[in-house]
Amino acid sequence: MSVQQRSGRDRQVGETLDLREYLEPVIRQRRLILVVALITFGVAFIYTFARPAAYTSTATVLVKPTGVNLADLGPLGTEKLVNTDTEMQIVRSTVVAEQAASSTNTDLTPAQLLKHVSVSAVPNAQTLEISYSDSNPLVARQGASAFADAYLEYRQQQAQALVDSQLEGINASLKVDKARLQKLNEVIASSPRDSAAARNARAQRDSVSARVGMLEDKVTAGGLLNTDPGDVIVDAQAPGGPSSPNHLLDLAVGLLLGLAAGVVIASVRGRMDQRLHTTADLEEALGAPLLASIPWVADGGDGLTAPVSTRDPEAPASEAYRALRTTLTAVAHRGEGTLMVVSALPGDGKTTVAANLSVALAAADKRVVLVSADMRRPRIHEMFGLPNDRGLSNILTGQVPADLGVLDLRVENLYVCPGGPTPPNPVELLQSQRMRDLVSELRGLVEYVVLDCPPVLTVADSLVLASLADGVIFVVDERSTKRSAVAEARRRLEQVGAKVLGGVLNKVPPPGPHGYGYGYGYGEAKGGAESKPTSKPVATLSRAGMWFGTSNRTGDRTD
């Protein structure tokens, strides 16, 4: 099983268990959450203390059913329960507001009065609580009483109007039936007793007489019907203190809303944040494990820093490169000796990582050749203080033999092949058979060939080298590399069959001066000046037999 497959499987197993992966964007934005919460709290503070005090008085009304339909009921009628939702709408109607306004000395219109009124129904009871709010407590009491009285008055008027309307219809029908009954009696009196006319008139008289009796009963019931709509069971009182603003409640709500808004904003911002903040972020975007985290290293001002592994072996960064060497040795345990060091974009520090990794491998008694495969903007020679008049481009164009392009250093076991003068066709040269032969020959002489390659998303140089490498080390800048860039670079590498061994998270905090930059002709340089290494190149390798058999260093040595 490959490293990528193991990493993917492990993430799937722990995906449902690791809540921190989802909380991390929010936790990372905790300062933003605090700022949003404080701003919202401040707004709530201003709002609650700037509002004038309001007083609320409440009158409680017991509502009784009215409006019995005499045409559909028996003589005495029946009563139904009141629909409190309908009654609340009546309280807040313009008609009731007009009656309340007429009973109070106010300059407010009915519409304005209704803005001060609120109504609620008591659960499981036929009662309404009518409240009126105003900056004056006496006006609040007067308003609550006025609306309660106006509501009851309106309902009583409506009930009486309904009864009167029904009685008017019943009396009209009763008058007609009585007149008909009188005519039928006259027919019966003037016709022979056994005649058909008399018999028919008597049958109609019985029917009309029964209907007259029923209508008379309804008239009697209508006169006994109670049109009382209800009573005020709790009179409105002058409030003893303001009902609003509630300072504690307003401040608590403001704080809670601020925290909620801050969490939402932080969550959205965290999800949209393309930076790689954690190991999980890098591994998810790269589809490979993290090999090492390299801390920031101060430079000298121009972005050219000699390998920290040579100038300060005790520095935290040097220790991180030794950890990278150890991890890489464990990962690349199957003889993966040709390593490409790449990044998504310029400025991520892949040249620095390639140089320091080579020094760390050499320090572990591993014979290493560091090749500057970035011929567009070579940097390796600057880090080691080497000339760049000959190098990889000269070897691939046949201008110099390979042993004259690879330089021997005063770093034990480490050899460097600079990029050489920039050629007009770097991609074609890197894709040539000469490049394949060179890598193959170097692999036969050393244990590791480290290729410092151009950024994947900038040019195609690295992609054409993928078939020559046993593994790829992907470098990302913790501060600036976007996960979308890493994912796209990973996709391109996978398309050409490259094997990504893992990622290196570079320039990790604690904060300090900017580290290593990458000044390309096709991208902006980062960082500033760097000090030159103390080790200097002394001679080319001998071409007699095995390249690395002897060296022309001051004080020759045999490897």
Protein backbone atom coordinates (compact mmCIF):
# COMPACT_ATOMS: atom_id res chain seq x y z
CA MET A 1 0.00 0.00 0.00
CA SER A 2 1.38 3.41 -0.97
CA VAL A 3 1.94 6.30 1.43
CA GLN A 4 -0.91 8.22 -0.23
CA GLN A 5 -3.30 5.29 0.16
CA ARG A 6 -2.37 4.78 3.80
CA SER A 7 -2.81 8.48 4.50
CA GLY A 8 -6.19 8.54 2.77
CA ARG A 9 -7.37 5.46 4.65
CA ASP A 10 -6.24 6.81 8.02
CA ARG A 11 -8.04 10.09 7.37
CA GLN A 12 -11.24 8.26 6.48
CA VAL A 13 -11.06 6.23 9.68
CA GLY A 14 -10.51 9.27 11.89
CA GLU A 15 -12.66 11.66 9.90
CA THR A 16 -15.85 11.05 11.85
CA LEU A 17 -14.08 11.13 15.19
CA ASP A 18 -11.95 14.25 14.94
CA LEU A 19 -14.22 17.16 15.77
CA ARG A 20 -11.22 19.42 16.02
CA GLU A 21 -10.91 19.45 12.23
CA TYR A 22 -14.24 21.26 12.04
CA LEU A 23 -13.66 23.49 15.06
CA GLU A 24 -10.17 24.52 13.98
CA PRO A 25 -11.32 27.28 11.56
CA VAL A 26 -13.49 28.75 14.32
CA ILE A 27 -10.80 28.49 17.01
CA ARG A 28 -8.28 30.06 14.67
CA GLN A 29 -10.59 33.06 14.25
CA ARG A 30 -11.27 33.51 17.99
CA ARG A 31 -10.01 37.10 17.95
CA LEU A 32 -12.47 37.91 15.19
CA ILE A 33 -15.27 36.35 17.24
CA LEU A 34 -14.29 38.45 20.25
CA VAL A 35 -14.18 41.63 18.17
CA VAL A 36 -17.61 40.99 16.63
CA ALA A 37 -19.07 40.15 20.06
CA LEU A 38 -17.64 43.33 21.61
CA ILE A 39 -18.95 45.47 18.75
CA THR A 40 -22.43 43.97 19.04
CA PHE A 41 -22.32 44.36 22.82
CA GLY A 42 -21.37 48.03 22.39
CA VAL A 43 -24.24 48.59 19.97
CA ALA A 44 -26.63 46.92 22.43
CA PHE A 45 -25.25 49.09 25.23
CA ILE A 46 -25.83 52.28 23.27
CA TYR A 47 -29.25 51.11 22.14
CA THR A 48 -30.54 50.12 25.57
CA PHE A 49 -29.32 53.21 27.42
CA ALA A 50 -30.28 55.65 24.68
CA ARG A 51 -33.89 54.51 24.56
CA PRO A 52 -36.43 56.47 26.65
CA ALA A 53 -38.15 54.60 29.46
CA ALA A 54 -41.55 53.13 28.60
CA TYR A 55 -44.30 52.19 31.06
CA THR A 56 -46.91 49.50 30.40
CA SER A 57 -50.33 49.11 32.01
CA THR A 58 -52.57 46.06 31.46
CA ALA A 59 -56.31 45.50 31.77
CA THR A 60 -57.65 41.92 31.85
CA VAL A 61 -61.01 41.30 30.15
CA LEU A 62 -63.24 38.23 30.56
CA VAL A 63 -64.81 37.59 27.15
CA LYS A 64 -68.33 36.13 26.88
CA PRO A 65 -69.90 34.64 23.73
CA THR A 66 -72.44 36.75 21.86
CA GLY A 67 -74.11 36.82 18.43
CA VAL A 68 -76.52 33.84 18.71
CA ASN A 69 -78.24 33.03 15.40
CA LEU A 70 -81.94 32.81 16.31
CA ALA A 71 -82.90 31.56 12.88
CA ASP A 72 -80.98 28.30 13.34
CA LEU A 73 -81.58 27.54 17.03
CA GLY A 74 -84.41 26.62 19.26
CA PRO A 75 -86.40 29.14 21.21
CA LEU A 76 -83.74 29.69 23.87
CA GLY A 77 -80.63 29.41 21.69
CA THR A 78 -77.26 27.97 22.70
CA GLU A 79 -73.90 29.54 23.50
CA LYS A 80 -70.47 28.81 22.00
CA LEU A 81 -66.90 29.40 23.10
CA VAL A 82 -65.17 32.59 21.98
CA ASN A 83 -62.38 32.45 19.42
CA THR A 84 -59.69 34.45 21.23
CA ASP A 85 -57.60 34.90 18.06
CA THR A 86 -60.51 36.71 16.44
CA GLU A 87 -61.11 38.79 19.55
CA MET A 88 -57.47 39.93 19.65
CA GLN A 89 -57.80 41.17 16.07
CA ILE A 90 -60.94 43.08 17.08
CA VAL A 91 -59.08 44.79 19.95
CA ARG A 92 -56.43 45.99 17.47
CA SER A 93 -58.97 47.08 14.86
CA THR A 94 -59.31 50.67 13.69
CA VAL A 95 -62.94 50.80 14.85
CA VAL A 96 -62.01 50.03 18.45
CA ALA A 97 -59.07 52.45 18.25
CA GLU A 98 -61.44 55.21 17.09
CA GLN A 99 -63.76 54.59 20.05
CA ALA A 100 -60.78 54.56 22.45
CA ALA A 101 -59.49 57.82 20.98
CA SER A 102 -62.87 59.49 21.42
CA SER A 103 -62.88 58.65 25.13
CA THR A 104 -59.38 60.04 25.82
CA ASN A 105 -57.86 63.48 25.47
CA THR A 106 -55.22 62.58 22.91
CA ASP A 107 -53.92 64.10 19.71
CA LEU A 108 -52.86 60.73 18.35
CA THR A 109 -54.65 59.16 15.42
CA PRO A 110 -56.17 55.66 15.74
CA ALA A 111 -53.25 54.26 13.75
CA GLN A 112 -50.77 55.91 16.11
CA LEU A 113 -52.65 54.64 19.16
CA LEU A 114 -52.50 51.07 17.88
CA LYS A 115 -48.67 51.23 17.90
CA HIS A 116 -48.88 51.48 21.69
CA VAL A 117 -51.27 48.53 22.11
CA SER A 118 -50.51 44.84 22.53
CA VAL A 119 -52.97 42.01 23.17
CA SER A 120 -52.45 38.48 24.41
CA ALA A 121 -54.79 35.62 25.25
CA VAL A 122 -54.46 33.74 28.53
CA PRO A 123 -54.02 30.03 27.73
CA ASN A 124 -57.00 27.78 28.54
CA ALA A 125 -59.13 30.75 29.54
CA GLN A 126 -61.62 33.09 27.88
CA THR A 127 -59.63 36.17 28.87
CA LEU A 128 -57.62 38.81 27.06
CA GLU A 129 -54.83 40.97 28.45
CA ILE A 130 -54.90 44.41 26.82
CA SER A 131 -51.69 46.41 27.38
CA TYR A 132 -50.83 49.99 26.54
CA SER A 133 -47.27 51.41 26.64
CA ASP A 134 -46.28 55.05 26.94
CA SER A 135 -43.50 57.17 28.37
CA ASN A 136 -46.04 58.54 30.88
CA PRO A 137 -47.32 55.91 33.36
CA LEU A 138 -50.70 57.69 33.79
CA VAL A 139 -51.24 57.80 30.04
CA ALA A 140 -50.38 54.08 29.90
CA ARG A 141 -53.09 53.26 32.48
CA GLN A 142 -55.63 55.51 30.74
CA GLY A 143 -54.86 53.90 27.35
CA ALA A 144 -55.26 50.33 28.63
CA SER A 145 -58.62 51.18 30.26
CA ALA A 146 -59.81 53.04 27.16
CA PHE A 147 -59.08 50.14 24.83
CA ALA A 148 -60.65 47.59 27.19
CA ASP A 149 -63.84 49.66 27.48
CA ALA A 150 -63.91 50.42 23.75
CA TYR A 151 -63.55 46.74 22.92
CA LEU A 152 -66.43 45.71 25.20
CA GLU A 153 -68.59 48.54 23.94
CA TYR A 154 -67.96 47.62 20.32
CA ARG A 155 -68.72 43.94 20.92
CA GLN A 156 -71.95 44.79 22.76
CA GLN A 157 -73.04 47.06 19.91
CA GLN A 158 -72.28 44.35 17.41
CA ALA A 159 -74.16 41.71 19.44
CA GLN A 160 -77.23 43.91 19.91
CA ALA A 161 -77.20 44.87 16.25
CA LEU A 162 -77.17 41.19 15.30
CA VAL A 163 -80.07 40.36 17.64
CA ASP A 164 -82.08 43.35 16.42
CA SER A 165 -81.47 42.38 12.82
CA GLN A 166 -82.65 38.82 13.45
CA LEU A 167 -85.71 39.95 15.43
CA GLU A 168 -86.63 42.34 12.65
CA GLY A 169 -86.67 39.48 10.16
CA ILE A 170 -88.55 37.17 12.49
CA ASN A 171 -91.21 39.81 13.21
CA ALA A 172 -91.64 40.45 9.49
CA SER A 173 -92.17 36.73 8.87
CA LEU A 174 -94.52 36.54 11.86
CA LYS A 175 -96.64 39.40 10.51
CA VAL A 176 -97.01 37.67 7.14
CA ASP A 177 -97.92 34.32 8.71
CA LYS A 178 -100.51 35.91 11.02
CA ALA A 179 -102.14 37.67 8.07
CA ARG A 180 -102.27 34.41 6.18
CA LEU A 181 -103.65 32.63 9.20
CA GLN A 182 -106.46 35.18 9.41
CA LYS A 183 -107.41 34.63 5.75
CA LEU A 184 -107.40 30.87 6.21
CA ASN A 185 -109.79 31.23 9.19
CA GLU A 186 -112.10 33.36 7.04
CA VAL A 187 -112.13 30.68 4.31
CA ILE A 188 -112.95 27.99 6.86
CA ALA A 189 -115.77 30.08 8.34
CA SER A 190 -117.37 30.84 4.95
CA SER A 191 -117.09 27.34 3.45
CA PRO A 192 -119.29 24.25 4.15
CA ARG A 193 -117.69 22.12 6.81
CA ASP A 194 -117.16 19.05 4.63
CA SER A 195 -116.19 20.89 1.48
CA ALA A 196 -112.78 20.47 -0.09
CA ALA A 197 -112.01 24.14 0.37
CA ALA A 198 -112.65 23.92 4.09
CA ARG A 199 -110.57 20.80 4.49
CA ASN A 200 -107.64 22.32 2.57
CA ALA A 201 -107.85 25.58 4.50
CA ARG A 202 -107.86 23.75 7.86
CA ALA A 203 -104.68 21.78 6.82
CA GLN A 204 -102.86 24.99 5.85
CA ARG A 205 -104.06 26.72 8.99
CA ASP A 206 -102.48 24.04 11.19
CA SER A 207 -99.12 24.39 9.40
CA VAL A 208 -99.12 28.19 9.51
CA SER A 209 -100.24 28.18 13.13
CA ALA A 210 -97.32 25.93 14.12
CA ARG A 211 -94.88 28.23 12.35
CA VAL A 212 -96.38 31.28 14.05
CA GLY A 213 -95.87 29.63 17.41
CA MET A 214 -92.23 28.88 16.63
CA LEU A 215 -91.56 32.45 15.50
CA GLU A 216 -93.21 33.82 18.65
CA ASP A 217 -90.91 31.61 20.72
CA LYS A 218 -87.88 33.05 18.90
CA VAL A 219 -89.09 36.58 19.56
CA THR A 220 -89.41 35.71 23.24
CA ALA A 221 -85.90 34.13 23.21
CA GLY A 222 -84.48 37.19 21.52
CA GLY A 223 -85.85 39.40 24.24
CA LEU A 224 -84.24 37.18 26.90
CA LEU A 225 -80.86 36.91 25.11
CA ASN A 226 -77.87 38.35 27.01
CA THR A 227 -75.80 40.60 24.75
CA ASP A 228 -73.19 41.33 27.43
CA PRO A 229 -69.75 40.73 25.71
CA GLY A 230 -67.77 40.45 28.92
CA ASP A 231 -66.29 42.33 31.87
CA VAL A 232 -63.08 43.94 32.94
CA ILE A 233 -61.97 41.61 35.70
CA VAL A 234 -58.63 43.35 36.39
CA ASP A 235 -58.56 47.12 36.05
CA ALA A 236 -55.55 48.82 34.54
CA GLN A 237 -53.19 50.23 37.15
CA ALA A 238 -50.52 52.91 36.95
CA PRO A 239 -47.21 51.00 36.56
CA GLY A 240 -44.71 51.33 39.38
CA GLY A 241 -41.64 51.15 37.11
CA PRO A 242 -40.66 51.13 33.46
CA SER A 243 -41.28 47.99 31.44
CA SER A 244 -38.53 48.82 28.96
CA PRO A 245 -35.75 49.04 28.23
CA ASN A 246 -34.56 45.97 30.12
CA HIS A 247 -30.86 46.77 30.27
CA LEU A 248 -29.66 43.36 31.45
CA LEU A 249 -31.74 41.51 28.87
CA ASP A 250 -30.70 43.81 26.05
CA LEU A 251 -27.02 43.49 26.93
CA ALA A 252 -27.26 39.70 27.28
CA VAL A 253 -29.04 39.37 23.94
CA GLY A 254 -26.52 41.70 22.30
CA LEU A 255 -23.62 39.64 23.62
CA LEU A 256 -25.18 36.33 22.57
CA LEU A 257 -26.03 37.64 19.12
CA GLY A 258 -22.50 38.99 18.80
CA LEU A 259 -20.99 35.64 19.74
CA ALA A 260 -23.31 33.82 17.35
CA ALA A 261 -22.55 36.26 14.53
CA GLY A 262 -18.84 36.02 15.27
CA VAL A 263 -18.91 32.23 15.13
CA VAL A 264 -20.81 32.27 11.83
CA ILE A 265 -18.46 34.85 10.30
CA ALA A 266 -15.41 33.01 11.62
CA SER A 267 -16.72 29.70 10.31
CA VAL A 268 -17.42 31.10 6.86
CA ARG A 269 -14.13 32.96 6.76
CA GLY A 270 -12.26 29.92 8.02
CA ARG A 271 -13.81 27.70 5.35
CA MET A 272 -12.98 30.25 2.68
CA ASP A 273 -9.43 30.70 3.99
CA GLN A 274 -7.14 28.99 1.49
CA ARG A 275 -4.04 29.07 3.69
CA LEU A 276 -2.55 25.89 5.10
CA HIS A 277 -2.59 26.36 8.86
CA THR A 278 -2.36 22.80 10.12
CA THR A 279 -0.89 19.43 9.28
CA ALA A 280 -4.37 18.21 8.37
CA ASP A 281 -4.80 21.08 5.91
CA LEU A 282 -1.59 20.19 4.09
CA GLU A 283 -2.19 16.45 4.07
CA GLU A 284 -5.72 16.90 2.78
CA ALA A 285 -4.66 19.19 -0.07
CA LEU A 286 -1.55 17.19 -0.96
CA GLY A 287 -2.94 13.68 -0.43
CA ALA A 288 0.32 12.74 1.29
CA PRO A 289 1.72 12.90 4.84
CA LEU A 290 3.67 15.76 6.36
CA LEU A 291 7.36 14.97 6.43
CA ALA A 292 8.57 17.95 8.47
CA SER A 293 7.82 21.49 9.62
CA ILE A 294 10.64 23.96 9.11
CA PRO A 295 10.67 27.12 11.28
CA TRP A 296 11.38 30.57 9.97
CA VAL A 297 15.05 31.42 9.55
CA ALA A 298 16.25 35.05 9.56
CA ASP A 299 18.14 36.17 6.47
CA GLY A 300 20.58 38.95 5.80
CA GLY A 301 18.33 41.20 3.75
CA ASP A 302 18.61 40.17 0.08
CA GLY A 303 16.91 36.76 0.25
CA LEU A 304 20.13 34.73 -0.23
CA THR A 305 20.91 32.71 2.86
CA ALA A 306 23.52 29.98 3.04
CA PRO A 307 22.11 26.64 4.24
CA VAL A 308 21.39 26.95 7.92
CA SER A 309 22.54 23.36 8.33
CA THR A 310 26.09 24.48 7.53
CA ARG A 311 26.26 27.87 9.26
CA ASP A 312 24.34 26.99 12.43
CA PRO A 313 23.99 23.22 12.98
CA GLU A 314 22.41 23.79 16.41
CA ALA A 315 19.60 26.04 15.17
CA PRO A 316 15.99 24.77 15.42
CA ALA A 317 15.78 24.81 11.63
CA SER A 318 18.85 22.58 11.38
CA GLU A 319 17.26 20.13 13.76
CA ALA A 320 14.07 20.24 11.66
CA TYR A 321 16.07 19.32 8.54
CA ARG A 322 17.65 16.42 10.39
CA ALA A 323 14.13 15.32 11.34
CA LEU A 324 13.15 15.62 7.66
CA ARG A 325 16.14 13.47 6.75
CA THR A 326 15.10 10.82 9.28
CA THR A 327 11.48 10.82 8.14
CA LEU A 328 12.46 10.77 4.47
CA THR A 329 14.86 7.89 5.04
CA ALA A 330 12.01 5.92 6.64
CA VAL A 331 9.54 6.79 3.88
CA ALA A 332 11.98 6.22 1.03
CA HIS A 333 13.13 2.87 2.35
CA ARG A 334 12.90 1.14 -1.06
CA GLY A 335 15.88 2.85 -2.66
CA GLU A 336 14.10 6.00 -3.71
CA GLY A 337 17.33 7.87 -4.27
CA THR A 338 16.37 10.40 -6.95
CA LEU A 339 14.32 13.08 -5.25
CA MET A 340 12.54 16.05 -6.78
CA VAL A 341 11.99 19.05 -4.51
CA VAL A 342 9.15 21.19 -5.87
CA SER A 343 6.60 23.78 -4.83
CA ALA A 344 3.37 25.08 -6.29
CA LEU A 345 4.52 28.67 -6.83
CA PRO A 346 7.69 30.76 -6.48
CA GLY A 347 8.69 31.91 -3.02
CA ASP A 348 7.71 28.82 -1.04
CA GLY A 349 11.36 28.02 -0.19
CA LYS A 350 11.87 24.78 -2.11
CA THR A 351 15.46 25.70 -3.08
CA THR A 352 16.32 26.29 0.57
CA VAL A 353 14.75 22.97 1.54
CA ALA A 354 16.62 21.15 -1.23
CA ALA A 355 19.97 22.64 -0.16
CA ASN A 356 19.51 22.00 3.55
CA LEU A 357 18.14 18.49 2.99
CA SER A 358 21.21 17.68 0.89
CA VAL A 359 23.52 18.96 3.63
CA ALA A 360 21.63 16.92 6.23
CA LEU A 361 21.85 13.74 4.12
CA ALA A 362 25.56 14.32 3.55
CA ALA A 363 26.08 14.77 7.28
CA ALA A 364 24.57 11.31 7.79
CA ASP A 365 27.33 9.84 5.61
CA LYS A 366 25.13 9.68 2.51
CA ARG A 367 26.78 10.61 -0.78
CA VAL A 368 24.58 13.29 -2.38
CA VAL A 369 24.54 15.27 -5.62
CA LEU A 370 22.39 18.40 -5.51
CA VAL A 371 21.31 19.37 -9.04
CA SER A 372 19.91 22.81 -9.82
CA ALA A 373 17.26 21.65 -12.33
CA ASP A 374 15.81 25.14 -12.33
CA MET A 375 17.74 26.59 -15.25
CA ARG A 376 15.39 29.55 -15.70
CA ARG A 377 16.35 31.14 -12.40
CA PRO A 378 19.04 29.04 -10.69
CA ARG A 379 19.69 29.75 -7.03
CA ILE A 380 21.67 26.81 -5.69
CA HIS A 381 25.04 28.28 -6.69
CA GLU A 382 24.24 31.51 -4.78
CA MET A 383 23.46 29.62 -1.58
CA PHE A 384 26.79 27.78 -1.68
CA GLY A 385 28.81 30.69 -3.06
CA LEU A 386 29.61 28.85 -6.32
CA PRO A 387 30.16 30.26 -9.81
CA ASN A 388 27.41 29.64 -12.33
CA ASP A 389 29.45 29.89 -15.53
CA ARG A 390 29.02 26.16 -16.07
CA GLY A 391 26.48 23.69 -14.85
CA LEU A 392 23.46 21.63 -15.91
CA SER A 393 22.64 23.67 -19.01
CA ASN A 394 26.23 23.25 -20.29
CA ILE A 395 26.15 19.51 -19.66
CA LEU A 396 22.81 19.02 -21.44
CA THR A 397 23.90 21.07 -24.45
CA GLY A 398 27.14 19.12 -24.69
CA GLN A 399 29.36 22.12 -23.99
CA VAL A 400 31.11 20.47 -21.02
CA PRO A 401 31.30 16.89 -19.79
CA ALA A 402 29.32 15.93 -16.72
CA ASP A 403 32.34 15.75 -14.42
CA LEU A 404 33.22 19.38 -15.16
CA GLY A 405 29.71 20.58 -14.40
CA VAL A 406 29.46 18.92 -10.98
CA LEU A 407 31.43 20.80 -8.33
CA ASP A 408 32.97 19.36 -5.18
CA LEU A 409 32.44 21.29 -1.92
CA ARG A 410 34.06 21.41 1.49
CA VAL A 411 30.92 19.75 2.74
CA GLU A 412 31.64 16.08 3.30
CA ASN A 413 29.82 13.79 0.82
CA LEU A 414 28.04 16.68 -0.94
CA TYR A 415 28.45 17.66 -4.60
CA VAL A 416 26.60 20.40 -6.43
CA CYS A 417 25.62 20.81 -10.06
CA PRO A 418 24.68 24.49 -10.63
CA GLY A 419 22.04 25.44 -13.17
CA GLY A 420 24.48 27.12 -15.51
CA PRO A 421 23.67 29.92 -17.97
CA THR A 422 19.97 30.11 -18.78
CA PRO A 423 19.26 28.26 -22.07
CA PRO A 424 16.51 29.27 -24.52
CA ASN A 425 14.83 25.84 -24.30
CA PRO A 426 15.00 24.51 -20.70
CA VAL A 427 11.97 22.18 -21.04
CA GLU A 428 13.40 20.42 -24.08
CA LEU A 429 16.77 20.00 -22.39
CA LEU A 430 15.24 18.53 -19.25
CA GLN A 431 13.17 16.14 -21.38
CA SER A 432 16.17 15.04 -23.44
CA GLN A 433 17.98 11.70 -23.35
CA ARG A 434 21.07 13.54 -22.07
CA MET A 435 19.19 14.42 -18.89
CA ARG A 436 18.10 10.82 -18.43
CA ASP A 437 21.63 9.58 -18.93
CA LEU A 438 22.99 12.16 -16.48
CA VAL A 439 20.57 11.20 -13.71
CA SER A 440 21.19 7.53 -14.32
CA GLU A 441 24.95 8.03 -14.18
CA LEU A 442 24.74 10.08 -11.00
CA ARG A 443 22.53 7.47 -9.33
CA GLY A 444 25.18 4.89 -10.03
CA LEU A 445 27.73 6.93 -8.13
CA VAL A 446 25.84 8.34 -5.12
CA GLU A 447 23.03 7.34 -2.83
CA TYR A 448 20.86 10.42 -3.38
CA VAL A 449 20.35 12.74 -6.32
CA VAL A 450 18.35 15.78 -5.19
CA LEU A 451 16.76 17.82 -8.01
CA ASP A 452 15.85 21.41 -7.19
CA CYS A 453 12.98 21.93 -9.67
CA PRO A 454 10.96 24.99 -10.75
CA PRO A 455 7.45 25.57 -9.31
CA VAL A 456 4.86 23.18 -10.77
CA LEU A 457 2.19 25.78 -11.55
CA THR A 458 4.55 28.28 -13.16
CA VAL A 459 6.32 26.23 -15.85
CA ALA A 460 6.24 22.65 -17.12
CA ASP A 461 9.89 21.87 -16.28
CA SER A 462 9.11 19.86 -13.16
CA LEU A 463 6.48 17.76 -14.91
CA VAL A 464 8.89 16.52 -17.56
CA LEU A 465 11.32 15.43 -14.81
CA ALA A 466 8.72 13.36 -12.95
CA SER A 467 9.61 10.17 -14.82
CA LEU A 468 13.23 10.48 -13.70
CA ALA A 469 12.52 10.80 -9.98
CA ASP A 470 11.76 8.09 -7.47
CA GLY A 471 9.82 10.48 -5.29
CA VAL A 472 8.66 14.07 -4.95
CA ILE A 473 9.03 16.29 -1.89
CA PHE A 474 6.47 19.10 -1.98
CA VAL A 475 7.35 22.36 -0.18
CA VAL A 476 4.66 24.84 0.92
CA ASP A 477 4.96 28.23 2.60
CA GLU A 478 2.92 28.17 5.81
CA ARG A 479 2.16 31.87 5.45
CA SER A 480 1.17 32.24 1.81
CA THR A 481 0.63 28.96 -0.03
CA LYS A 482 -3.03 28.38 -0.86
CA ARG A 483 -4.56 24.95 -0.56
CA SER A 484 -6.11 25.36 -4.03
CA ALA A 485 -2.61 25.86 -5.47
CA VAL A 486 -1.35 22.73 -3.69
CA ALA A 487 -4.31 20.69 -4.91
CA GLU A 488 -3.83 21.84 -8.51
CA ALA A 489 -0.09 21.12 -8.38
CA ARG A 490 -0.84 17.69 -6.94
CA ARG A 491 -3.30 17.02 -9.79
CA ARG A 492 -0.70 17.92 -12.41
CA LEU A 493 1.94 15.74 -10.77
CA GLU A 494 -0.45 12.80 -10.60
CA GLN A 495 -1.23 13.21 -14.31
CA VAL A 496 2.41 12.57 -15.19
CA GLY A 497 2.74 9.68 -12.74
CA ALA A 498 4.84 11.44 -10.10
CA LYS A 499 5.02 9.81 -6.67
CA VAL A 500 4.58 12.42 -3.93
CA LEU A 501 6.36 11.16 -0.82
CA GLY A 502 5.09 13.97 1.40
CA GLY A 503 5.04 17.65 2.16
CA VAL A 504 7.31 20.06 3.99
CA LEU A 505 5.60 22.94 5.79
CA ASN A 506 8.11 25.76 5.48
CA LYS A 507 8.50 29.09 7.33
CA VAL A 508 6.41 28.02 10.29
CA PRO A 509 5.91 30.54 13.17
CA PRO A 510 6.98 31.81 15.72
CA PRO A 511 7.03 35.07 13.76
CA GLY A 512 10.35 36.46 12.66
CA PRO A 513 12.01 38.07 9.64
CA HIS A 514 11.06 36.63 6.30
CA GLY A 515 12.89 33.52 5.27
CA TYR A 516 13.96 32.36 1.89
CA GLY A 517 12.52 33.91 -1.21
CA TYR A 518 12.35 32.90 -4.83
CA GLY A 519 13.07 35.68 -7.31
CA TYR A 520 11.96 34.37 -10.70
CA GLY A 521 11.77 36.23 -13.94
CA TYR A 522 8.19 34.90 -14.12
CA GLY A 523 7.31 35.64 -10.49
CA GLU A 524 8.15 38.11 -7.77
CA ALA A 525 11.02 37.56 -5.42
CA LYS A 526 10.45 37.33 -1.72
CA GLY A 527 12.65 38.10 1.21
CA GLY A 528 15.91 39.99 1.48
CA ALA A 529 19.66 39.55 1.68
CA GLU A 530 21.45 36.50 2.98
CA SER A 531 24.96 35.88 4.21
CA LYS A 532 27.34 33.73 2.15
CA PRO A 533 28.43 30.29 3.39
CA THR A 534 31.91 29.83 4.70
CA SER A 535 32.52 26.74 2.56
CA LYS A 536 33.82 27.46 -0.96
CA PRO A 537 34.07 25.32 -4.13
CA VAL A 538 37.65 24.31 -4.86
CA ALA A 539 37.78 22.12 -7.93
CA THR A 540 35.84 19.99 -10.37
CA LEU A 541 35.61 16.24 -10.04
CA SER A 542 38.16 14.05 -11.73
CA ARG A 543 37.00 12.24 -14.88
CA ALA A 544 39.37 9.31 -14.28
CA GLY A 545 37.24 6.22 -13.66
CA MET A 546 34.70 6.83 -10.95
CA TRP A 547 33.94 10.53 -10.71
CA PHE A 548 33.93 10.66 -6.97
CA GLY A 549 36.96 8.50 -6.32
CA THR A 550 39.29 11.43 -5.65
CA SER A 551 38.95 15.12 -4.98
CA ASN A 552 41.11 18.19 -5.62
CA ARG A 553 40.26 19.79 -2.25
CA THR A 554 43.02 21.39 -0.26
CA GLY A 555 44.19 18.33 1.58
CA ASP A 556 42.95 15.59 -0.75
CA ARG A 557 40.80 12.85 0.66
CA THR A 558 39.67 9.49 -0.63
CA ASP A 559 35.93 8.71 -0.29
